[in-house]
Amino acid sequence: MSEETGRQRIDKWLWFARFAKSRSIAQKLVLAGKVRVNRDKIDAPSRLVRPGDVLTLSLERQVRVVKILDPGMRRGPAPEAQRLYEDLTPPAILTEPVVRNGPRPTKRDRRVLDAFHSAVSDDDGENFPSDDED
């Protein structure tokens, strides 16, 4: 009956659109308060959504803003899932991979660094001149 009106449960839509690996994970996402529909925080996975609704999803490493284009009929391949929504996420919000300067420190490098930090914290600043001494 909900397919006739173009409305669908939010947990089912999140699963169809591949924002969640399973429907139970989609339900947990909604129950955790990580989904907003048209700026309203929702707490029921049974909430019906329709084309034109804007979802704000707080995922692991990013916040995604998507507009629902189609309720979908099944969980299909990724290209089919991407046709269910329009991504409105601003490019600045999308996370970029972390760029490291140089190679990772070796275990020996970390030990030396830890020894240095523990020596500095043990001194409690005794080796540094105070403002009182002139």
C-alpha atoms as a PDB file:
ATOM      1  CA  MET A   1       0.000   0.000   0.000  1.00  0.00           C
ATOM      2  CA  SER A   2       2.820   2.443   0.761  1.00  0.00           C
ATOM      3  CA  GLU A   3       4.374   1.805  -2.671  1.00  0.00           C
ATOM      4  CA  GLU A   4       1.208   3.139  -4.322  1.00  0.00           C
ATOM      5  CA  THR A   5       1.553   6.519  -2.626  1.00  0.00           C
ATOM      6  CA  GLY A   6       5.346   6.650  -3.103  1.00  0.00           C
ATOM      7  CA  ARG A   7       6.033   6.510   0.626  1.00  0.00           C
ATOM      8  CA  GLN A   8       8.382   4.071   2.293  1.00  0.00           C
ATOM      9  CA  ARG A   9       9.801   3.318   5.741  1.00  0.00           C
ATOM     10  CA  ILE A  10      13.041   5.180   6.406  1.00  0.00           C
ATOM     11  CA  ASP A  11      14.936   2.054   7.472  1.00  0.00           C
ATOM     12  CA  LYS A  12      13.926   0.228   4.318  1.00  0.00           C
ATOM     13  CA  TRP A  13      14.924   3.194   2.131  1.00  0.00           C
ATOM     14  CA  LEU A  14      18.338   3.523   3.838  1.00  0.00           C
ATOM     15  CA  TRP A  15      18.929  -0.155   3.151  1.00  0.00           C
ATOM     16  CA  PHE A  16      17.771   0.100  -0.485  1.00  0.00           C
ATOM     17  CA  ALA A  17      19.999   3.166  -1.050  1.00  0.00           C
ATOM     18  CA  ARG A  18      22.963   1.312   0.490  1.00  0.00           C
ATOM     19  CA  PHE A  19      23.585   3.687   3.393  1.00  0.00           C
ATOM     20  CA  ALA A  20      23.322   0.644   5.679  1.00  0.00           C
ATOM     21  CA  LYS A  21      24.529  -2.900   5.089  1.00  0.00           C
ATOM     22  CA  SER A  22      21.398  -4.433   6.599  1.00  0.00           C
ATOM     23  CA  ARG A  23      17.940  -3.288   7.554  1.00  0.00           C
ATOM     24  CA  SER A  24      18.622  -3.861  11.248  1.00  0.00           C
ATOM     25  CA  ILE A  25      21.687  -1.616  11.022  1.00  0.00           C
ATOM     26  CA  ALA A  26      19.492   1.015   9.350  1.00  0.00           C
ATOM     27  CA  GLN A  27      17.051   0.736  12.256  1.00  0.00           C
ATOM     28  CA  LYS A  28      19.880   1.200  14.766  1.00  0.00           C
ATOM     29  CA  LEU A  29      21.098   4.237  12.828  1.00  0.00           C
ATOM     30  CA  VAL A  30      17.665   5.841  13.146  1.00  0.00           C
ATOM     31  CA  LEU A  31      17.222   4.860  16.807  1.00  0.00           C
ATOM     32  CA  ALA A  32      20.644   6.357  17.625  1.00  0.00           C
ATOM     33  CA  GLY A  33      19.407   9.734  16.371  1.00  0.00           C
ATOM     34  CA  LYS A  34      21.806   9.920  13.438  1.00  0.00           C
ATOM     35  CA  VAL A  35      19.121  10.598  10.818  1.00  0.00           C
ATOM     36  CA  ARG A  36      17.148  13.782  10.238  1.00  0.00           C
ATOM     37  CA  VAL A  37      14.258  14.195   7.811  1.00  0.00           C
ATOM     38  CA  ASN A  38      13.729  17.770   6.627  1.00  0.00           C
ATOM     39  CA  ARG A  39      15.852  18.994   9.583  1.00  0.00           C
ATOM     40  CA  ASP A  40      13.678  17.136  12.137  1.00  0.00           C
ATOM     41  CA  LYS A  41      15.430  14.490  14.206  1.00  0.00           C
ATOM     42  CA  ILE A  42      13.542  11.220  14.023  1.00  0.00           C
ATOM     43  CA  ASP A  43      13.615   8.306  16.426  1.00  0.00           C
ATOM     44  CA  ALA A  44      11.299   5.782  14.771  1.00  0.00           C
ATOM     45  CA  PRO A  45      12.504   3.508  11.960  1.00  0.00           C
ATOM     46  CA  SER A  46       8.888   3.220  10.849  1.00  0.00           C
ATOM     47  CA  ARG A  47       8.787   6.886   9.797  1.00  0.00           C
ATOM     48  CA  LEU A  48       7.552   7.158   6.215  1.00  0.00           C
ATOM     49  CA  VAL A  49       9.572   9.179   3.720  1.00  0.00           C
ATOM     50  CA  ARG A  50       8.659  10.216   0.197  1.00  0.00           C
ATOM     51  CA  PRO A  51      10.392  11.710  -2.834  1.00  0.00           C
ATOM     52  CA  GLY A  52      11.409  15.293  -2.145  1.00  0.00           C
ATOM     53  CA  ASP A  53      12.361  14.722   1.512  1.00  0.00           C
ATOM     54  CA  VAL A  54      15.875  15.803   2.478  1.00  0.00           C
ATOM     55  CA  LEU A  55      17.808  13.482   4.779  1.00  0.00           C
ATOM     56  CA  THR A  56      20.814  14.414   6.888  1.00  0.00           C
ATOM     57  CA  LEU A  57      22.813  11.333   7.827  1.00  0.00           C
ATOM     58  CA  SER A  58      25.579  11.358  10.414  1.00  0.00           C
ATOM     59  CA  LEU A  59      27.707   8.434   9.311  1.00  0.00           C
ATOM     60  CA  GLU A  60      31.013   7.215  10.745  1.00  0.00           C
ATOM     61  CA  ARG A  61      33.387   9.740   9.221  1.00  0.00           C
ATOM     62  CA  GLN A  62      31.127  12.217   7.481  1.00  0.00           C
ATOM     63  CA  VAL A  63      27.785  13.947   7.377  1.00  0.00           C
ATOM     64  CA  ARG A  64      25.791  13.327   4.200  1.00  0.00           C
ATOM     65  CA  VAL A  65      22.850  15.391   2.968  1.00  0.00           C
ATOM     66  CA  VAL A  66      20.698  13.654   0.362  1.00  0.00           C
ATOM     67  CA  LYS A  67      17.398  14.348  -1.351  1.00  0.00           C
ATOM     68  CA  ILE A  68      15.144  11.343  -1.967  1.00  0.00           C
ATOM     69  CA  LEU A  69      14.254  10.983  -5.654  1.00  0.00           C
ATOM     70  CA  ASP A  70      12.574   7.562  -5.656  1.00  0.00           C
ATOM     71  CA  PRO A  71      11.411   5.133  -2.945  1.00  0.00           C
ATOM     72  CA  GLY A  72      12.917   2.132  -4.742  1.00  0.00           C
ATOM     73  CA  MET A  73      11.522  -1.341  -5.132  1.00  0.00           C
ATOM     74  CA  ARG A  74      14.511  -3.509  -4.150  1.00  0.00           C
ATOM     75  CA  ARG A  75      18.089  -3.450  -2.915  1.00  0.00           C
ATOM     76  CA  GLY A  76      19.873  -3.576  -6.230  1.00  0.00           C
ATOM     77  CA  PRO A  77      23.423  -2.900  -7.344  1.00  0.00           C
ATOM     78  CA  ALA A  78      25.208   0.325  -6.392  1.00  0.00           C
ATOM     79  CA  PRO A  79      24.423   2.237  -9.631  1.00  0.00           C
ATOM     80  CA  GLU A  80      20.726   1.478  -9.151  1.00  0.00           C
ATOM     81  CA  ALA A  81      20.906   2.583  -5.505  1.00  0.00           C
ATOM     82  CA  GLN A  82      22.549   5.883  -6.476  1.00  0.00           C
ATOM     83  CA  ARG A  83      19.565   6.741  -8.650  1.00  0.00           C
ATOM     84  CA  LEU A  84      17.341   6.755  -5.554  1.00  0.00           C
ATOM     85  CA  TYR A  85      18.849   9.984  -4.230  1.00  0.00           C
ATOM     86  CA  GLU A  86      20.624  13.205  -5.134  1.00  0.00           C
ATOM     87  CA  ASP A  87      23.703  13.982  -3.057  1.00  0.00           C
ATOM     88  CA  LEU A  88      23.478  17.550  -1.695  1.00  0.00           C
ATOM     89  CA  THR A  89      26.524  17.286   0.559  1.00  0.00           C
ATOM     90  CA  PRO A  90      28.760  20.338   0.100  1.00  0.00           C
ATOM     91  CA  PRO A  91      32.243  19.388  -1.156  1.00  0.00           C
ATOM     92  CA  ALA A  92      33.923  20.999   1.862  1.00  0.00           C
ATOM     93  CA  ILE A  93      32.175  18.625   4.258  1.00  0.00           C
ATOM     94  CA  LEU A  94      33.298  15.478   2.476  1.00  0.00           C
ATOM     95  CA  THR A  95      36.303  14.111   4.333  1.00  0.00           C
ATOM     96  CA  GLU A  96      39.624  13.882   2.580  1.00  0.00           C
ATOM     97  CA  PRO A  97      42.149  11.137   3.245  1.00  0.00           C
ATOM     98  CA  VAL A  98      44.805  11.921   5.821  1.00  0.00           C
ATOM     99  CA  VAL A  99      48.103  12.865   4.190  1.00  0.00           C
ATOM    100  CA  ARG A 100      51.172  12.049   6.219  1.00  0.00           C
ATOM    101  CA  ASN A 101      54.428  13.900   5.891  1.00  0.00           C
ATOM    102  CA  GLY A 102      57.107  11.262   5.674  1.00  0.00           C
ATOM    103  CA  PRO A 103      57.103   7.622   6.685  1.00  0.00           C
ATOM    104  CA  ARG A 104      55.532   6.261   9.831  1.00  0.00           C
ATOM    105  CA  PRO A 105      57.793   6.249  12.869  1.00  0.00           C
ATOM    106  CA  THR A 106      59.374   2.926  13.713  1.00  0.00           C
ATOM    107  CA  LYS A 107      58.991   1.229  17.068  1.00  0.00           C
ATOM    108  CA  ARG A 108      62.443   2.500  18.034  1.00  0.00           C
ATOM    109  CA  ASP A 109      61.462   6.080  17.100  1.00  0.00           C
ATOM    110  CA  ARG A 110      58.348   5.816  19.268  1.00  0.00           C
ATOM    111  CA  ARG A 111      60.362   4.522  22.232  1.00  0.00           C
ATOM    112  CA  VAL A 112      62.786   7.439  21.949  1.00  0.00           C
ATOM    113  CA  LEU A 113      59.910   9.888  21.723  1.00  0.00           C
ATOM    114  CA  ASP A 114      58.136   8.324  24.719  1.00  0.00           C
ATOM    115  CA  ALA A 115      61.355   8.453  26.754  1.00  0.00           C
ATOM    116  CA  PHE A 116      61.773  12.121  25.845  1.00  0.00           C
ATOM    117  CA  HIS A 117      58.181  12.958  26.854  1.00  0.00           C
ATOM    118  CA  SER A 118      58.462  11.069  30.145  1.00  0.00           C
ATOM    119  CA  ALA A 119      61.772  12.829  30.962  1.00  0.00           C
ATOM    120  CA  VAL A 120      60.221  16.225  30.297  1.00  0.00           C
ATOM    121  CA  SER A 121      57.146  15.460  32.405  1.00  0.00           C
ATOM    122  CA  ASP A 122      59.330  14.118  35.284  1.00  0.00           C
ATOM    123  CA  ASP A 123      61.293  17.371  35.441  1.00  0.00           C
ATOM    124  CA  ASP A 124      58.109  19.419  35.860  1.00  0.00           C
ATOM    125  CA  GLY A 125      59.917  22.359  34.306  1.00  0.00           C
ATOM    126  CA  GLU A 126      62.806  22.461  36.800  1.00  0.00           C
ATOM    127  CA  ASN A 127      65.340  22.873  34.004  1.00  0.00           C
ATOM    128  CA  PHE A 128      63.587  25.891  32.575  1.00  0.00           C
ATOM    129  CA  PRO A 129      64.479  29.307  34.000  1.00  0.00           C
ATOM    130  CA  SER A 130      61.677  31.098  35.758  1.00  0.00           C
ATOM    131  CA  ASP A 131      60.804  34.746  35.325  1.00  0.00           C
ATOM    132  CA  ASP A 132      61.983  35.484  38.889  1.00  0.00           C
ATOM    133  CA  GLU A 133      65.622  34.675  38.119  1.00  0.00           C
ATOM    134  CA  ASP A 134      67.480  37.442  36.352  1.00  0.00           C
END
